[in-house]
Amino acid sequence: MKLSDIMILMAAFVSFIFSVYLWFDGQQQEGIYVGLWVPSILAGGAYIKQMSKQ
C-alpha cells in the first residue's frame, strides 16, 4: 500500500468515526451528512488512483 492509499483510508475512517460521534451526541442529521462522506472519499480516491495509472 502506498502512502496515498493509507491517507484515503484514514480520511474515510476519520469521517466514519466523526459521523458516529455526531449520531450518538444527538445530532442525527449531521451524523448522516458526515456519514455520506465515507463512500464519496473512497470513490474519489479510487478515481484518482485509476486516473494516475493511465
PDB file of N, CA and C in Angstrom:
ATOM      1  N   MET A   1       0.842  -1.185   0.000  1.00  0.00           N
ATOM      2  CA  MET A   1       0.000   0.000   0.000  1.00  0.00           C
ATOM      3  C   MET A   1       0.881   1.241   0.000  1.00  0.00           C
ATOM      4  N   LYS A   2       0.489   2.181  -0.811  1.00  0.00           N
ATOM      5  CA  LYS A   2       1.205   3.445  -0.887  1.00  0.00           C
ATOM      6  C   LYS A   2       0.706   4.392   0.203  1.00  0.00           C
ATOM      7  N   LEU A   3       1.455   5.443   0.397  1.00  0.00           N
ATOM      8  CA  LEU A   3       1.064   6.465   1.369  1.00  0.00           C
ATOM      9  C   LEU A   3      -0.276   7.089   0.986  1.00  0.00           C
ATOM     10  N   SER A   4      -0.503   7.297  -0.307  1.00  0.00           N
ATOM     11  CA  SER A   4      -1.769   7.891  -0.749  1.00  0.00           C
ATOM     12  C   SER A   4      -2.954   6.982  -0.407  1.00  0.00           C
ATOM     13  N   ASP A   5      -2.773   5.670  -0.526  1.00  0.00           N
ATOM     14  CA  ASP A   5      -3.837   4.721  -0.166  1.00  0.00           C
ATOM     15  C   ASP A   5      -4.151   4.810   1.327  1.00  0.00           C
ATOM     16  N   ILE A   6      -3.114   4.889   2.121  1.00  0.00           N
ATOM     17  CA  ILE A   6      -3.298   4.981   3.568  1.00  0.00           C
ATOM     18  C   ILE A   6      -4.008   6.277   3.945  1.00  0.00           C
ATOM     19  N   MET A   7      -3.636   7.375   3.280  1.00  0.00           N
ATOM     20  CA  MET A   7      -4.259   8.669   3.570  1.00  0.00           C
ATOM     21  C   MET A   7      -5.749   8.657   3.216  1.00  0.00           C
ATOM     22  N   ILE A   8      -6.093   8.042   2.108  1.00  0.00           N
ATOM     23  CA  ILE A   8      -7.501   7.956   1.695  1.00  0.00           C
ATOM     24  C   ILE A   8      -8.288   7.125   2.701  1.00  0.00           C
ATOM     25  N   LEU A   9      -7.739   5.981   3.097  1.00  0.00           N
ATOM     26  CA  LEU A   9      -8.426   5.140   4.076  1.00  0.00           C
ATOM     27  C   LEU A   9      -8.552   5.837   5.430  1.00  0.00           C
ATOM     28  N   MET A  10      -7.529   6.566   5.826  1.00  0.00           N
ATOM     29  CA  MET A  10      -7.581   7.305   7.098  1.00  0.00           C
ATOM     30  C   MET A  10      -8.637   8.404   7.046  1.00  0.00           C
ATOM     31  N   ALA A  11      -8.731   9.105   5.929  1.00  0.00           N
ATOM     32  CA  ALA A  11      -9.743  10.149   5.788  1.00  0.00           C
ATOM     33  C   ALA A  11     -11.148   9.554   5.879  1.00  0.00           C
ATOM     34  N   ALA A  12     -11.364   8.418   5.240  1.00  0.00           N
ATOM     35  CA  ALA A  12     -12.668   7.753   5.302  1.00  0.00           C
ATOM     36  C   ALA A  12     -12.952   7.270   6.728  1.00  0.00           C
ATOM     37  N   PHE A  13     -11.935   6.735   7.403  1.00  0.00           N
ATOM     38  CA  PHE A  13     -12.117   6.247   8.765  1.00  0.00           C
ATOM     39  C   PHE A  13     -12.434   7.393   9.730  1.00  0.00           C
ATOM     40  N   VAL A  14     -11.729   8.500   9.602  1.00  0.00           N
ATOM     41  CA  VAL A  14     -11.987   9.664  10.461  1.00  0.00           C
ATOM     42  C   VAL A  14     -13.399  10.190  10.219  1.00  0.00           C
ATOM     43  N   SER A  15     -13.819  10.222   8.973  1.00  0.00           N
ATOM     44  CA  SER A  15     -15.175  10.652   8.653  1.00  0.00           C
ATOM     45  C   SER A  15     -16.205   9.725   9.294  1.00  0.00           C
ATOM     46  N   PHE A  16     -15.951   8.426   9.241  1.00  0.00           N
ATOM     47  CA  PHE A  16     -16.864   7.463   9.849  1.00  0.00           C
ATOM     48  C   PHE A  16     -16.956   7.652  11.364  1.00  0.00           C
ATOM     49  N   ILE A  17     -15.800   7.803  12.006  1.00  0.00           N
ATOM     50  CA  ILE A  17     -15.776   7.989  13.458  1.00  0.00           C
ATOM     51  C   ILE A  17     -16.486   9.281  13.848  1.00  0.00           C
ATOM     52  N   PHE A  18     -16.244  10.341  13.101  1.00  0.00           N
ATOM     53  CA  PHE A  18     -16.906  11.620  13.381  1.00  0.00           C
ATOM     54  C   PHE A  18     -18.417  11.501  13.196  1.00  0.00           C
ATOM     55  N   SER A  19     -18.839  10.748  12.195  1.00  0.00           N
ATOM     56  CA  SER A  19     -20.260  10.526  11.953  1.00  0.00           C
ATOM     57  C   SER A  19     -20.914   9.793  13.130  1.00  0.00           C
ATOM     58  N   VAL A  20     -20.253   8.758  13.607  1.00  0.00           N
ATOM     59  CA  VAL A  20     -20.770   8.004  14.751  1.00  0.00           C
ATOM     60  C   VAL A  20     -20.841   8.889  15.991  1.00  0.00           C
ATOM     61  N   TYR A  21     -19.803   9.696  16.195  1.00  0.00           N
ATOM     62  CA  TYR A  21     -19.793  10.626  17.331  1.00  0.00           C
ATOM     63  C   TYR A  21     -20.979  11.584  17.262  1.00  0.00           C
ATOM     64  N   LEU A  22     -21.203  12.172  16.089  1.00  0.00           N
ATOM     65  CA  LEU A  22     -22.322  13.106  15.943  1.00  0.00           C
ATOM     66  C   LEU A  22     -23.654  12.418  16.186  1.00  0.00           C
ATOM     67  N   TRP A  23     -23.802  11.208  15.681  1.00  0.00           N
ATOM     68  CA  TRP A  23     -25.053  10.466  15.839  1.00  0.00           C
ATOM     69  C   TRP A  23     -25.376  10.253  17.315  1.00  0.00           C
ATOM     70  N   PHE A  24     -24.401   9.763  18.062  1.00  0.00           N
ATOM     71  CA  PHE A  24     -24.640   9.464  19.471  1.00  0.00           C
ATOM     72  C   PHE A  24     -24.614  10.703  20.355  1.00  0.00           C
ATOM     73  N   ASP A  25     -24.154  11.822  19.811  1.00  0.00           N
ATOM     74  CA  ASP A  25     -24.189  13.089  20.531  1.00  0.00           C
ATOM     75  C   ASP A  25     -25.552  13.767  20.389  1.00  0.00           C
ATOM     76  N   GLY A  26     -26.440  13.157  19.616  1.00  0.00           N
ATOM     77  CA  GLY A  26     -27.782  13.705  19.455  1.00  0.00           C
ATOM     78  C   GLY A  26     -27.961  14.535  18.205  1.00  0.00           C
ATOM     79  N   GLN A  27     -26.971  14.569  17.359  1.00  0.00           N
ATOM     80  CA  GLN A  27     -27.050  15.346  16.119  1.00  0.00           C
ATOM     81  C   GLN A  27     -27.174  14.382  14.941  1.00  0.00           C
ATOM     82  N   GLN A  28     -28.332  13.728  14.859  1.00  0.00           N
ATOM     83  CA  GLN A  28     -28.510  12.664  13.875  1.00  0.00           C
ATOM     84  C   GLN A  28     -28.394  13.168  12.435  1.00  0.00           C
ATOM     85  N   GLN A  29     -28.978  14.313  12.128  1.00  0.00           N
ATOM     86  CA  GLN A  29     -28.925  14.821  10.752  1.00  0.00           C
ATOM     87  C   GLN A  29     -27.488  15.095  10.316  1.00  0.00           C
ATOM     88  N   GLU A  30     -26.715  15.708  11.204  1.00  0.00           N
ATOM     89  CA  GLU A  30     -25.321  15.993  10.887  1.00  0.00           C
ATOM     90  C   GLU A  30     -24.513  14.703  10.774  1.00  0.00           C
ATOM     91  N   GLY A  31     -24.830  13.717  11.617  1.00  0.00           N
ATOM     92  CA  GLY A  31     -24.149  12.431  11.554  1.00  0.00           C
ATOM     93  C   GLY A  31     -24.401  11.720  10.236  1.00  0.00           C
ATOM     94  N   ILE A  32     -25.620  11.781   9.755  1.00  0.00           N
ATOM     95  CA  ILE A  32     -25.942  11.174   8.460  1.00  0.00           C
ATOM     96  C   ILE A  32     -25.198  11.893   7.347  1.00  0.00           C
ATOM     97  N   TYR A  33     -25.169  13.227   7.418  1.00  0.00           N
ATOM     98  CA  TYR A  33     -24.482  14.004   6.389  1.00  0.00           C
ATOM     99  C   TYR A  33     -22.992  13.654   6.332  1.00  0.00           C
ATOM    100  N   VAL A  34     -22.350  13.625   7.483  1.00  0.00           N
ATOM    101  CA  VAL A  34     -20.925  13.305   7.518  1.00  0.00           C
ATOM    102  C   VAL A  34     -20.703  11.846   7.125  1.00  0.00           C
ATOM    103  N   GLY A  35     -21.633  10.972   7.473  1.00  0.00           N
ATOM    104  CA  GLY A  35     -21.520   9.570   7.091  1.00  0.00           C
ATOM    105  C   GLY A  35     -21.544   9.364   5.584  1.00  0.00           C
ATOM    106  N   LEU A  36     -22.199  10.268   4.873  1.00  0.00           N
ATOM    107  CA  LEU A  36     -22.225  10.177   3.417  1.00  0.00           C
ATOM    108  C   LEU A  36     -20.881  10.531   2.788  1.00  0.00           C
ATOM    109  N   TRP A  37     -20.000  11.137   3.555  1.00  0.00           N
ATOM    110  CA  TRP A  37     -18.674  11.454   3.032  1.00  0.00           C
ATOM    111  C   TRP A  37     -17.842  10.198   2.809  1.00  0.00           C
ATOM    112  N   VAL A  38     -18.066   9.168   3.603  1.00  0.00           N
ATOM    113  CA  VAL A  38     -17.210   7.973   3.547  1.00  0.00           C
ATOM    114  C   VAL A  38     -17.183   7.364   2.144  1.00  0.00           C
ATOM    115  N   PRO A  39     -18.323   7.011   1.551  1.00  0.00           N
ATOM    116  CA  PRO A  39     -18.238   6.429   0.204  1.00  0.00           C
ATOM    117  C   PRO A  39     -17.735   7.440  -0.830  1.00  0.00           C
ATOM    118  N   SER A  40     -18.002   8.717  -0.603  1.00  0.00           N
ATOM    119  CA  SER A  40     -17.509   9.732  -1.535  1.00  0.00           C
ATOM    120  C   SER A  40     -15.990   9.826  -1.492  1.00  0.00           C
ATOM    121  N   ILE A  41     -15.413   9.777  -0.307  1.00  0.00           N
ATOM    122  CA  ILE A  41     -13.955   9.808  -0.168  1.00  0.00           C
ATOM    123  C   ILE A  41     -13.338   8.583  -0.825  1.00  0.00           C
ATOM    124  N   LEU A  42     -13.911   7.413  -0.569  1.00  0.00           N
ATOM    125  CA  LEU A  42     -13.372   6.182  -1.152  1.00  0.00           C
ATOM    126  C   LEU A  42     -13.513   6.163  -2.673  1.00  0.00           C
ATOM    127  N   ALA A  43     -14.654   6.619  -3.173  1.00  0.00           N
ATOM    128  CA  ALA A  43     -14.852   6.647  -4.624  1.00  0.00           C
ATOM    129  C   ALA A  43     -13.924   7.664  -5.274  1.00  0.00           C
ATOM    130  N   GLY A  44     -13.767   8.821  -4.647  1.00  0.00           N
ATOM    131  CA  GLY A  44     -12.850   9.823  -5.186  1.00  0.00           C
ATOM    132  C   GLY A  44     -11.419   9.321  -5.194  1.00  0.00           C
ATOM    133  N   GLY A  45     -11.027   8.642  -4.137  1.00  0.00           N
ATOM    134  CA  GLY A  45      -9.690   8.071  -4.087  1.00  0.00           C
ATOM    135  C   GLY A  45      -9.466   7.018  -5.150  1.00  0.00           C
ATOM    136  N   ALA A  46     -10.465   6.166  -5.355  1.00  0.00           N
ATOM    137  CA  ALA A  46     -10.351   5.133  -6.384  1.00  0.00           C
ATOM    138  C   ALA A  46     -10.274   5.767  -7.773  1.00  0.00           C
ATOM    139  N   TYR A  47     -11.027   6.822  -7.993  1.00  0.00           N
ATOM    140  CA  TYR A  47     -10.997   7.515  -9.280  1.00  0.00           C
ATOM    141  C   TYR A  47      -9.632   8.134  -9.543  1.00  0.00           C
ATOM    142  N   ILE A  48      -9.108   8.826  -8.541  1.00  0.00           N
ATOM    143  CA  ILE A  48      -7.796   9.468  -8.697  1.00  0.00           C
ATOM    144  C   ILE A  48      -6.712   8.414  -8.922  1.00  0.00           C
ATOM    145  N   LYS A  49      -6.791   7.317  -8.184  1.00  0.00           N
ATOM    146  CA  LYS A  49      -5.808   6.251  -8.354  1.00  0.00           C
ATOM    147  C   LYS A  49      -5.887   5.646  -9.753  1.00  0.00           C
ATOM    148  N   GLN A  50      -7.092   5.464 -10.250  1.00  0.00           N
ATOM    149  CA  GLN A  50      -7.281   4.904 -11.591  1.00  0.00           C
ATOM    150  C   GLN A  50      -6.768   5.861 -12.656  1.00  0.00           C
ATOM    151  N   MET A  51      -7.000   7.158 -12.483  1.00  0.00           N
ATOM    152  CA  MET A  51      -6.551   8.139 -13.461  1.00  0.00           C
ATOM    153  C   MET A  51      -5.022   8.275 -13.459  1.00  0.00           C
ATOM    154  N   SER A  52      -4.400   8.076 -12.317  1.00  0.00           N
ATOM    155  CA  SER A  52      -2.952   8.207 -12.251  1.00  0.00           C
ATOM    156  C   SER A  52      -2.233   7.019 -12.904  1.00  0.00           C
ATOM    157  N   LYS A  53      -2.929   5.908 -13.102  1.00  0.00           N
ATOM    158  CA  LYS A  53      -2.338   4.730 -13.751  1.00  0.00           C
ATOM    159  C   LYS A  53      -2.282   4.891 -15.262  1.00  0.00           C
ATOM    160  N   GLN A  54      -3.084   5.773 -15.812  1.00  0.00           N
ATOM    161  CA  GLN A  54      -3.132   5.916 -17.276  1.00  0.00           C
ATOM    162  C   GLN A  54      -2.033   6.769 -17.808  1.00  0.00           C
TER     163      GLN A  54
END
